[in-house]
Amino acid sequence: MSQAKISIRGLDAYYGEFQALAGVDLDIPANSLFTVMGPTGSGKTTLMRTINRLNDIVKGFRATGQVTVDGQDVYEPTVDVPSLRRKVGMVFAVTTPLPLTTFDNVAYGPRVRGTRSEAQIAEIVERCLRDALLWDEVGSRLHDPASKLSGGQQQRLSLARVLALEPEIILLDEPASGLDPVSTARLEDLMRRLSKLYTVVLVTHNPLQAARVGELTAFLYMGRLVEVGPTSQLFTSPKDKRTEDYVLGRFG
C-alpha cells in the first residue's frame, strides 16, 4: 500500500454543542481513489472540510485531534491556509461556475496566483480541460458563458478549475448527486484516471457508487468511523453489521 498522504487521529468535530465527528482515525494513501460513504448526516462533508480547513469559516466550528497532510499537522498555527487549500482542492455537490466564459473560469485561479503570460494561461486552460475530459466538448466554444454548459459539463469544469491550481489532493463531495447516469459514468471514469496522478477522496451517500469506483472505502455513521478497508471486502464480507445493513440498502 502507498504511504499515507492524509492521516487523521482522534478527530472530534463540533458545530457549537453538536458533535459531528467522534474519534475518527483514518489513513488515506497517496495516489489512490478513496471513498467515504454513509447516509446523510453521517459527517462525511465535515470530514472533508476539516482536511483543508474550510470549516474555519463556519461560526462555532471547532476540532480536536490531529489531521496531517504529508506529515504536516494542518492545524498548526504556522500553516499557511491558502496554500493548504491550493494543495487540497475541493469540488462540491452543487457547482456554480463563475459568471465568466469557460476559458476564464479555468484561467481565473492561475491569474490570481500571478500568471501573466496569456500563452501560458492558454496552455493551462487546455491541459486542465483535457485532464477533466472536457476539451473535446467545449474546445470550440471556450469564450461562451460557462453557464451554458450542461450540469455534467459544469461539474467537470469545476474540476478543471481545481486542477488549474495544481493540487496534490482532490476532495469530491457528492459530485454526481445531480447528474444523469451518462454524466455520472463519465465522472467516475475521470476519477479513476485522476487517481493515478492525484490522491482522490470521494464522498458519496450511494453505496453502489462506492462499490463501482473505490479502491478503499470508509463507512461513516452518525459521526463515527464504523469500518474501513478494501472496497470489495466491505461489500462482500463486512466486519460490522451496520456496514452490511447499509450496503444492502436496509437504511440510508
C-alpha atoms as a PDB file:
ATOM      1  CA  MET A   1       0.000   0.000   0.000  1.00  0.00           C
ATOM      2  CA  SER A   2       1.149   3.507  -0.779  1.00  0.00           C
ATOM      3  CA  GLN A   3       2.371   5.757   2.003  1.00  0.00           C
ATOM      4  CA  ALA A   4      -0.416   7.706   3.698  1.00  0.00           C
ATOM      5  CA  LYS A   5      -0.961  11.118   2.135  1.00  0.00           C
ATOM      6  CA  ILE A   6      -3.556  12.069   4.751  1.00  0.00           C
ATOM      7  CA  SER A   7      -3.537  10.779   8.333  1.00  0.00           C
ATOM      8  CA  ILE A   8      -6.311  11.514  10.822  1.00  0.00           C
ATOM      9  CA  ARG A   9      -6.063  10.626  14.501  1.00  0.00           C
ATOM     10  CA  GLY A  10      -8.663  11.062  17.219  1.00  0.00           C
ATOM     11  CA  LEU A  11     -10.624  13.657  15.249  1.00  0.00           C
ATOM     12  CA  ASP A  12     -13.599  15.177  17.055  1.00  0.00           C
ATOM     13  CA  ALA A  13     -15.520  17.971  15.330  1.00  0.00           C
ATOM     14  CA  TYR A  14     -18.227  20.211  16.711  1.00  0.00           C
ATOM     15  CA  TYR A  15     -20.659  22.847  15.499  1.00  0.00           C
ATOM     16  CA  GLY A  16     -21.399  24.620  18.742  1.00  0.00           C
ATOM     17  CA  GLU A  17     -22.598  21.892  21.104  1.00  0.00           C
ATOM     18  CA  PHE A  18     -23.376  19.419  18.318  1.00  0.00           C
ATOM     19  CA  GLN A  19     -20.691  16.774  17.777  1.00  0.00           C
ATOM     20  CA  ALA A  20     -20.439  15.932  14.072  1.00  0.00           C
ATOM     21  CA  LEU A  21     -17.399  13.610  14.258  1.00  0.00           C
ATOM     22  CA  ALA A  22     -16.216  11.450  17.139  1.00  0.00           C
ATOM     23  CA  GLY A  23     -12.817   9.797  17.430  1.00  0.00           C
ATOM     24  CA  VAL A  24     -12.121   9.322  13.727  1.00  0.00           C
ATOM     25  CA  ASP A  25      -8.853   7.542  12.862  1.00  0.00           C
ATOM     26  CA  LEU A  26      -8.110   7.214   9.159  1.00  0.00           C
ATOM     27  CA  ASP A  27      -5.193   6.854   6.745  1.00  0.00           C
ATOM     28  CA  ILE A  28      -5.646   7.767   3.073  1.00  0.00           C
ATOM     29  CA  PRO A  29      -2.875   6.507   0.760  1.00  0.00           C
ATOM     30  CA  ALA A  30      -1.204   8.679  -1.845  1.00  0.00           C
ATOM     31  CA  ASN A  31      -2.357   8.285  -5.465  1.00  0.00           C
ATOM     32  CA  SER A  32      -5.474   6.336  -4.640  1.00  0.00           C
ATOM     33  CA  LEU A  33      -9.222   6.636  -5.127  1.00  0.00           C
ATOM     34  CA  PHE A  34     -10.520   6.576  -1.565  1.00  0.00           C
ATOM     35  CA  THR A  35     -14.264   6.568  -0.949  1.00  0.00           C
ATOM     36  CA  VAL A  36     -16.058   7.786   2.165  1.00  0.00           C
ATOM     37  CA  MET A  37     -19.652   6.538   2.195  1.00  0.00           C
ATOM     38  CA  GLY A  38     -22.502   6.932   4.627  1.00  0.00           C
ATOM     39  CA  PRO A  39     -26.050   8.242   4.909  1.00  0.00           C
ATOM     40  CA  THR A  40     -26.921  11.922   5.021  1.00  0.00           C
ATOM     41  CA  GLY A  41     -25.828  13.479   8.310  1.00  0.00           C
ATOM     42  CA  SER A  42     -23.086  10.958   8.996  1.00  0.00           C
ATOM     43  CA  GLY A  43     -20.289  13.558   8.994  1.00  0.00           C
ATOM     44  CA  LYS A  44     -18.814  12.918   5.555  1.00  0.00           C
ATOM     45  CA  THR A  45     -18.743  16.538   4.401  1.00  0.00           C
ATOM     46  CA  THR A  46     -17.481  17.727   7.789  1.00  0.00           C
ATOM     47  CA  LEU A  47     -14.598  15.273   7.460  1.00  0.00           C
ATOM     48  CA  MET A  48     -13.678  16.576   4.000  1.00  0.00           C
ATOM     49  CA  ARG A  49     -13.903  20.236   5.002  1.00  0.00           C
ATOM     50  CA  THR A  50     -11.743  19.548   8.047  1.00  0.00           C
ATOM     51  CA  ILE A  51      -8.896  18.290   5.860  1.00  0.00           C
ATOM     52  CA  ASN A  52      -8.484  21.607   4.029  1.00  0.00           C
ATOM     53  CA  ARG A  53      -9.848  23.774   6.851  1.00  0.00           C
ATOM     54  CA  LEU A  54     -12.878  25.073   5.002  1.00  0.00           C
ATOM     55  CA  ASN A  55     -14.773  24.697   8.260  1.00  0.00           C
ATOM     56  CA  ASP A  56     -12.670  27.538   9.667  1.00  0.00           C
ATOM     57  CA  ILE A  57     -15.176  29.962   8.183  1.00  0.00           C
ATOM     58  CA  VAL A  58     -18.163  28.285   9.911  1.00  0.00           C
ATOM     59  CA  LYS A  59     -19.187  30.064  13.094  1.00  0.00           C
ATOM     60  CA  GLY A  60     -18.993  27.828  16.151  1.00  0.00           C
ATOM     61  CA  PHE A  61     -16.925  25.108  14.486  1.00  0.00           C
ATOM     62  CA  ARG A  62     -14.047  23.556  16.408  1.00  0.00           C
ATOM     63  CA  ALA A  63     -11.989  20.404  16.034  1.00  0.00           C
ATOM     64  CA  THR A  64      -9.658  18.438  18.260  1.00  0.00           C
ATOM     65  CA  GLY A  65      -7.304  15.634  17.339  1.00  0.00           C
ATOM     66  CA  GLN A  66      -4.824  15.650  14.500  1.00  0.00           C
ATOM     67  CA  VAL A  67      -5.103  15.930  10.720  1.00  0.00           C
ATOM     68  CA  THR A  68      -1.846  15.666   8.787  1.00  0.00           C
ATOM     69  CA  VAL A  69      -1.081  16.052   5.082  1.00  0.00           C
ATOM     70  CA  ASP A  70       2.358  14.766   4.119  1.00  0.00           C
ATOM     71  CA  GLY A  71       3.163  14.599   7.837  1.00  0.00           C
ATOM     72  CA  GLN A  72       2.296  18.258   8.466  1.00  0.00           C
ATOM     73  CA  ASP A  73      -0.433  18.967  11.026  1.00  0.00           C
ATOM     74  CA  VAL A  74      -2.806  21.229   9.095  1.00  0.00           C
ATOM     75  CA  TYR A  75      -3.995  22.893  12.309  1.00  0.00           C
ATOM     76  CA  GLU A  76      -0.550  24.056  13.378  1.00  0.00           C
ATOM     77  CA  PRO A  77      -0.548  27.864  13.820  1.00  0.00           C
ATOM     78  CA  THR A  78       2.243  28.215  11.259  1.00  0.00           C
ATOM     79  CA  VAL A  79       0.267  26.567   8.434  1.00  0.00           C
ATOM     80  CA  ASP A  80      -0.485  28.863   5.502  1.00  0.00           C
ATOM     81  CA  VAL A  81      -4.164  28.096   4.948  1.00  0.00           C
ATOM     82  CA  PRO A  82      -4.459  29.469   1.366  1.00  0.00           C
ATOM     83  CA  SER A  83      -1.510  27.277   0.344  1.00  0.00           C
ATOM     84  CA  LEU A  84      -3.153  24.293   2.043  1.00  0.00           C
ATOM     85  CA  ARG A  85      -6.367  24.854   0.100  1.00  0.00           C
ATOM     86  CA  ARG A  86      -4.453  25.011  -3.174  1.00  0.00           C
ATOM     87  CA  LYS A  87      -2.767  21.722  -2.290  1.00  0.00           C
ATOM     88  CA  VAL A  88      -6.068  20.167  -1.178  1.00  0.00           C
ATOM     89  CA  GLY A  89      -8.635  21.203  -3.770  1.00  0.00           C
ATOM     90  CA  MET A  90     -12.354  20.537  -3.389  1.00  0.00           C
ATOM     91  CA  VAL A  91     -15.289  20.091  -5.752  1.00  0.00           C
ATOM     92  CA  PHE A  92     -18.737  20.465  -4.205  1.00  0.00           C
ATOM     93  CA  ALA A  93     -22.022  18.678  -4.841  1.00  0.00           C
ATOM     94  CA  VAL A  94     -23.643  21.799  -6.297  1.00  0.00           C
ATOM     95  CA  THR A  95     -21.337  23.611  -8.662  1.00  0.00           C
ATOM     96  CA  THR A  96     -21.906  27.137  -9.884  1.00  0.00           C
ATOM     97  CA  PRO A  97     -19.440  28.423 -12.471  1.00  0.00           C
ATOM     98  CA  LEU A  98     -18.137  31.927 -12.174  1.00  0.00           C
ATOM     99  CA  PRO A  99     -20.162  34.406 -14.306  1.00  0.00           C
ATOM    100  CA  LEU A 100     -17.422  34.266 -16.917  1.00  0.00           C
ATOM    101  CA  THR A 101     -16.585  32.326 -20.052  1.00  0.00           C
ATOM    102  CA  THR A 102     -15.480  28.706 -19.871  1.00  0.00           C
ATOM    103  CA  PHE A 103     -11.926  29.832 -20.641  1.00  0.00           C
ATOM    104  CA  ASP A 104     -11.899  32.487 -17.936  1.00  0.00           C
ATOM    105  CA  ASN A 105     -13.343  30.104 -15.347  1.00  0.00           C
ATOM    106  CA  VAL A 106     -10.269  27.885 -15.669  1.00  0.00           C
ATOM    107  CA  ALA A 107      -7.866  30.800 -16.108  1.00  0.00           C
ATOM    108  CA  TYR A 108      -9.134  32.620 -13.019  1.00  0.00           C
ATOM    109  CA  GLY A 109      -7.006  30.729 -10.479  1.00  0.00           C
ATOM    110  CA  PRO A 110      -3.702  30.950 -12.363  1.00  0.00           C
ATOM    111  CA  ARG A 111      -4.288  34.665 -12.970  1.00  0.00           C
ATOM    112  CA  VAL A 112      -4.935  35.295  -9.282  1.00  0.00           C
ATOM    113  CA  ARG A 113      -1.721  33.421  -8.495  1.00  0.00           C
ATOM    114  CA  GLY A 114       0.212  35.810 -10.721  1.00  0.00           C
ATOM    115  CA  THR A 115       0.478  34.125 -14.129  1.00  0.00           C
ATOM    116  CA  ARG A 116       0.538  36.944 -16.663  1.00  0.00           C
ATOM    117  CA  SER A 117       1.557  35.240 -19.913  1.00  0.00           C
ATOM    118  CA  GLU A 118      -1.583  34.701 -21.985  1.00  0.00           C
ATOM    119  CA  ALA A 119       0.173  31.932 -23.905  1.00  0.00           C
ATOM    120  CA  GLN A 120       0.949  30.129 -20.660  1.00  0.00           C
ATOM    121  CA  ILE A 121      -2.611  30.631 -19.422  1.00  0.00           C
ATOM    122  CA  ALA A 122      -3.968  29.204 -22.680  1.00  0.00           C
ATOM    123  CA  GLU A 123      -1.759  26.135 -22.209  1.00  0.00           C
ATOM    124  CA  ILE A 124      -3.008  25.682 -18.639  1.00  0.00           C
ATOM    125  CA  VAL A 125      -6.643  26.001 -19.704  1.00  0.00           C
ATOM    126  CA  GLU A 126      -6.296  23.439 -22.476  1.00  0.00           C
ATOM    127  CA  ARG A 127      -4.364  20.995 -20.309  1.00  0.00           C
ATOM    128  CA  CYS A 128      -6.852  21.170 -17.453  1.00  0.00           C
ATOM    129  CA  LEU A 129      -9.872  20.871 -19.714  1.00  0.00           C
ATOM    130  CA  ARG A 130      -8.273  17.846 -21.362  1.00  0.00           C
ATOM    131  CA  ASP A 131      -7.476  16.314 -17.968  1.00  0.00           C
ATOM    132  CA  ALA A 132     -11.118  16.884 -16.991  1.00  0.00           C
ATOM    133  CA  LEU A 133     -12.259  15.132 -20.202  1.00  0.00           C
ATOM    134  CA  LEU A 134     -13.990  18.319 -21.318  1.00  0.00           C
ATOM    135  CA  TRP A 135     -11.807  19.751 -24.080  1.00  0.00           C
ATOM    136  CA  ASP A 136     -13.383  17.798 -26.944  1.00  0.00           C
ATOM    137  CA  GLU A 137     -16.821  19.054 -25.902  1.00  0.00           C
ATOM    138  CA  VAL A 138     -16.046  22.739 -25.284  1.00  0.00           C
ATOM    139  CA  GLY A 139     -12.770  23.477 -27.077  1.00  0.00           C
ATOM    140  CA  SER A 140     -14.567  25.223 -29.947  1.00  0.00           C
ATOM    141  CA  ARG A 141     -16.656  27.462 -27.653  1.00  0.00           C
ATOM    142  CA  LEU A 142     -14.275  28.463 -24.915  1.00  0.00           C
ATOM    143  CA  HIS A 143     -15.456  32.046 -24.978  1.00  0.00           C
ATOM    144  CA  ASP A 144     -19.134  31.267 -24.486  1.00  0.00           C
ATOM    145  CA  PRO A 145     -20.581  31.785 -20.991  1.00  0.00           C
ATOM    146  CA  ALA A 146     -19.867  28.784 -18.774  1.00  0.00           C
ATOM    147  CA  SER A 147     -23.479  28.936 -17.610  1.00  0.00           C
ATOM    148  CA  LYS A 148     -24.494  27.482 -20.990  1.00  0.00           C
ATOM    149  CA  LEU A 149     -22.770  24.176 -20.212  1.00  0.00           C
ATOM    150  CA  SER A 150     -24.802  21.172 -19.109  1.00  0.00           C
ATOM    151  CA  GLY A 151     -24.811  20.085 -15.469  1.00  0.00           C
ATOM    152  CA  GLY A 152     -22.301  17.333 -16.098  1.00  0.00           C
ATOM    153  CA  GLN A 153     -20.051  19.687 -18.040  1.00  0.00           C
ATOM    154  CA  GLN A 154     -20.228  22.288 -15.287  1.00  0.00           C
ATOM    155  CA  GLN A 155     -19.171  19.640 -12.769  1.00  0.00           C
ATOM    156  CA  ARG A 156     -16.145  18.751 -14.869  1.00  0.00           C
ATOM    157  CA  LEU A 157     -15.432  22.463 -15.376  1.00  0.00           C
ATOM    158  CA  SER A 158     -15.296  22.858 -11.598  1.00  0.00           C
ATOM    159  CA  LEU A 159     -12.793  20.025 -11.521  1.00  0.00           C
ATOM    160  CA  ALA A 160     -10.735  21.701 -14.259  1.00  0.00           C
ATOM    161  CA  ARG A 161     -10.676  24.880 -12.152  1.00  0.00           C
ATOM    162  CA  VAL A 162      -9.282  22.877  -9.236  1.00  0.00           C
ATOM    163  CA  LEU A 163      -6.678  21.212 -11.472  1.00  0.00           C
ATOM    164  CA  ALA A 164      -5.519  24.636 -12.677  1.00  0.00           C
ATOM    165  CA  LEU A 165      -4.295  25.333  -9.129  1.00  0.00           C
ATOM    166  CA  GLU A 166      -2.009  22.268  -9.326  1.00  0.00           C
ATOM    167  CA  PRO A 167      -3.291  20.413  -6.248  1.00  0.00           C
ATOM    168  CA  GLU A 168      -1.943  17.167  -4.871  1.00  0.00           C
ATOM    169  CA  ILE A 169      -5.231  16.085  -3.288  1.00  0.00           C
ATOM    170  CA  ILE A 170      -8.722  16.387  -4.769  1.00  0.00           C
ATOM    171  CA  LEU A 171     -11.758  16.140  -2.499  1.00  0.00           C
ATOM    172  CA  LEU A 172     -15.033  15.367  -4.281  1.00  0.00           C
ATOM    173  CA  ASP A 173     -18.136  15.957  -2.164  1.00  0.00           C
ATOM    174  CA  GLU A 174     -21.112  14.132  -3.733  1.00  0.00           C
ATOM    175  CA  PRO A 175     -20.057  15.296  -7.225  1.00  0.00           C
ATOM    176  CA  ALA A 176     -22.599  13.109  -9.033  1.00  0.00           C
ATOM    177  CA  SER A 177     -25.607  13.891  -6.853  1.00  0.00           C
ATOM    178  CA  GLY A 178     -27.398  15.928  -9.520  1.00  0.00           C
ATOM    179  CA  LEU A 179     -26.136  14.163 -12.639  1.00  0.00           C
ATOM    180  CA  ASP A 180     -27.797  11.780 -15.066  1.00  0.00           C
ATOM    181  CA  PRO A 181     -26.383   8.227 -15.469  1.00  0.00           C
ATOM    182  CA  VAL A 182     -24.304   9.080 -18.563  1.00  0.00           C
ATOM    183  CA  SER A 183     -22.682  12.117 -16.915  1.00  0.00           C
ATOM    184  CA  THR A 184     -22.118  10.084 -13.740  1.00  0.00           C
ATOM    185  CA  ALA A 185     -20.334   7.346 -15.698  1.00  0.00           C
ATOM    186  CA  ARG A 186     -18.058   9.936 -17.346  1.00  0.00           C
ATOM    187  CA  LEU A 187     -17.262  11.478 -13.979  1.00  0.00           C
ATOM    188  CA  GLU A 188     -16.480   8.095 -12.417  1.00  0.00           C
ATOM    189  CA  ASP A 189     -14.145   7.251 -15.300  1.00  0.00           C
ATOM    190  CA  LEU A 190     -12.454  10.611 -14.758  1.00  0.00           C
ATOM    191  CA  MET A 191     -11.970   9.865 -11.038  1.00  0.00           C
ATOM    192  CA  ARG A 192     -10.187   6.614 -11.874  1.00  0.00           C
ATOM    193  CA  ARG A 193      -7.860   8.390 -14.309  1.00  0.00           C
ATOM    194  CA  LEU A 194      -7.060  11.203 -11.909  1.00  0.00           C
ATOM    195  CA  SER A 195      -6.229   8.812  -9.057  1.00  0.00           C
ATOM    196  CA  LYS A 196      -3.109   7.800 -10.979  1.00  0.00           C
ATOM    197  CA  LEU A 197      -1.789  11.353 -10.613  1.00  0.00           C
ATOM    198  CA  TYR A 198      -3.520  12.689  -7.508  1.00  0.00           C
ATOM    199  CA  THR A 199      -4.903  11.490  -4.208  1.00  0.00           C
ATOM    200  CA  VAL A 200      -8.654  11.494  -4.832  1.00  0.00           C
ATOM    201  CA  VAL A 201     -11.160  11.312  -1.968  1.00  0.00           C
ATOM    202  CA  LEU A 202     -14.781  10.789  -2.956  1.00  0.00           C
ATOM    203  CA  VAL A 203     -17.689  11.379  -0.579  1.00  0.00           C
ATOM    204  CA  THR A 204     -20.906   9.597  -1.531  1.00  0.00           C
ATOM    205  CA  HIS A 205     -24.171   8.547   0.078  1.00  0.00           C
ATOM    206  CA  ASN A 206     -24.618   5.994  -2.734  1.00  0.00           C
ATOM    207  CA  PRO A 207     -23.080   2.627  -1.795  1.00  0.00           C
ATOM    208  CA  LEU A 208     -23.362   1.446  -5.396  1.00  0.00           C
ATOM    209  CA  GLN A 209     -21.087   4.271  -6.495  1.00  0.00           C
ATOM    210  CA  ALA A 210     -18.584   3.375  -3.787  1.00  0.00           C
ATOM    211  CA  ALA A 211     -18.668  -0.233  -4.977  1.00  0.00           C
ATOM    212  CA  ARG A 212     -18.004   0.844  -8.573  1.00  0.00           C
ATOM    213  CA  VAL A 213     -15.086   3.205  -8.067  1.00  0.00           C
ATOM    214  CA  GLY A 214     -13.456   2.904  -4.659  1.00  0.00           C
ATOM    215  CA  GLU A 215     -10.183   1.094  -4.100  1.00  0.00           C
ATOM    216  CA  LEU A 216     -10.504   1.617  -0.368  1.00  0.00           C
ATOM    217  CA  THR A 217     -13.724   2.611   1.356  1.00  0.00           C
ATOM    218  CA  ALA A 218     -14.579   4.017   4.771  1.00  0.00           C
ATOM    219  CA  PHE A 219     -18.084   3.807   6.209  1.00  0.00           C
ATOM    220  CA  LEU A 220     -19.173   6.696   8.436  1.00  0.00           C
ATOM    221  CA  TYR A 221     -22.339   6.509  10.510  1.00  0.00           C
ATOM    222  CA  MET A 222     -23.586   9.112  12.975  1.00  0.00           C
ATOM    223  CA  GLY A 223     -20.184  10.776  13.091  1.00  0.00           C
ATOM    224  CA  ARG A 224     -18.200   7.630  13.801  1.00  0.00           C
ATOM    225  CA  LEU A 225     -15.954   5.565  11.567  1.00  0.00           C
ATOM    226  CA  VAL A 226     -17.591   2.146  11.573  1.00  0.00           C
ATOM    227  CA  GLU A 227     -15.293   0.301   9.200  1.00  0.00           C
ATOM    228  CA  VAL A 228     -12.566   0.895   6.616  1.00  0.00           C
ATOM    229  CA  GLY A 229     -10.827  -1.444   4.209  1.00  0.00           C
ATOM    230  CA  PRO A 230     -10.648  -2.679   0.618  1.00  0.00           C
ATOM    231  CA  THR A 231     -13.928  -1.877  -1.085  1.00  0.00           C
ATOM    232  CA  SER A 232     -14.554  -5.468  -2.130  1.00  0.00           C
ATOM    233  CA  GLN A 233     -14.218  -6.581   1.488  1.00  0.00           C
ATOM    234  CA  LEU A 234     -16.742  -4.055   2.788  1.00  0.00           C
ATOM    235  CA  PHE A 235     -19.274  -5.185   0.214  1.00  0.00           C
ATOM    236  CA  THR A 236     -18.737  -8.946   0.357  1.00  0.00           C
ATOM    237  CA  SER A 237     -17.640  -9.650   3.924  1.00  0.00           C
ATOM    238  CA  PRO A 238     -18.132  -6.577   6.141  1.00  0.00           C
ATOM    239  CA  LYS A 239     -16.990  -6.908   9.733  1.00  0.00           C
ATOM    240  CA  ASP A 240     -19.757  -4.767  11.207  1.00  0.00           C
ATOM    241  CA  LYS A 241     -23.494  -5.482  10.953  1.00  0.00           C
ATOM    242  CA  ARG A 242     -24.169  -1.770  10.352  1.00  0.00           C
ATOM    243  CA  THR A 243     -21.951  -1.864   7.267  1.00  0.00           C
ATOM    244  CA  GLU A 244     -23.782  -4.917   5.957  1.00  0.00           C
ATOM    245  CA  ASP A 245     -27.159  -3.280   6.519  1.00  0.00           C
ATOM    246  CA  TYR A 246     -26.064  -0.097   4.753  1.00  0.00           C
ATOM    247  CA  VAL A 247     -24.599  -1.702   1.653  1.00  0.00           C
ATOM    248  CA  LEU A 248     -27.686  -3.929   1.339  1.00  0.00           C
ATOM    249  CA  GLY A 249     -29.917  -0.867   1.427  1.00  0.00           C
ATOM    250  CA  ARG A 250     -31.631  -1.595   4.721  1.00  0.00           C
ATOM    251  CA  PHE A 251     -31.163   2.044   5.751  1.00  0.00           C
ATOM    252  CA  GLY A 252     -29.664   5.257   4.408  1.00  0.00           C
END
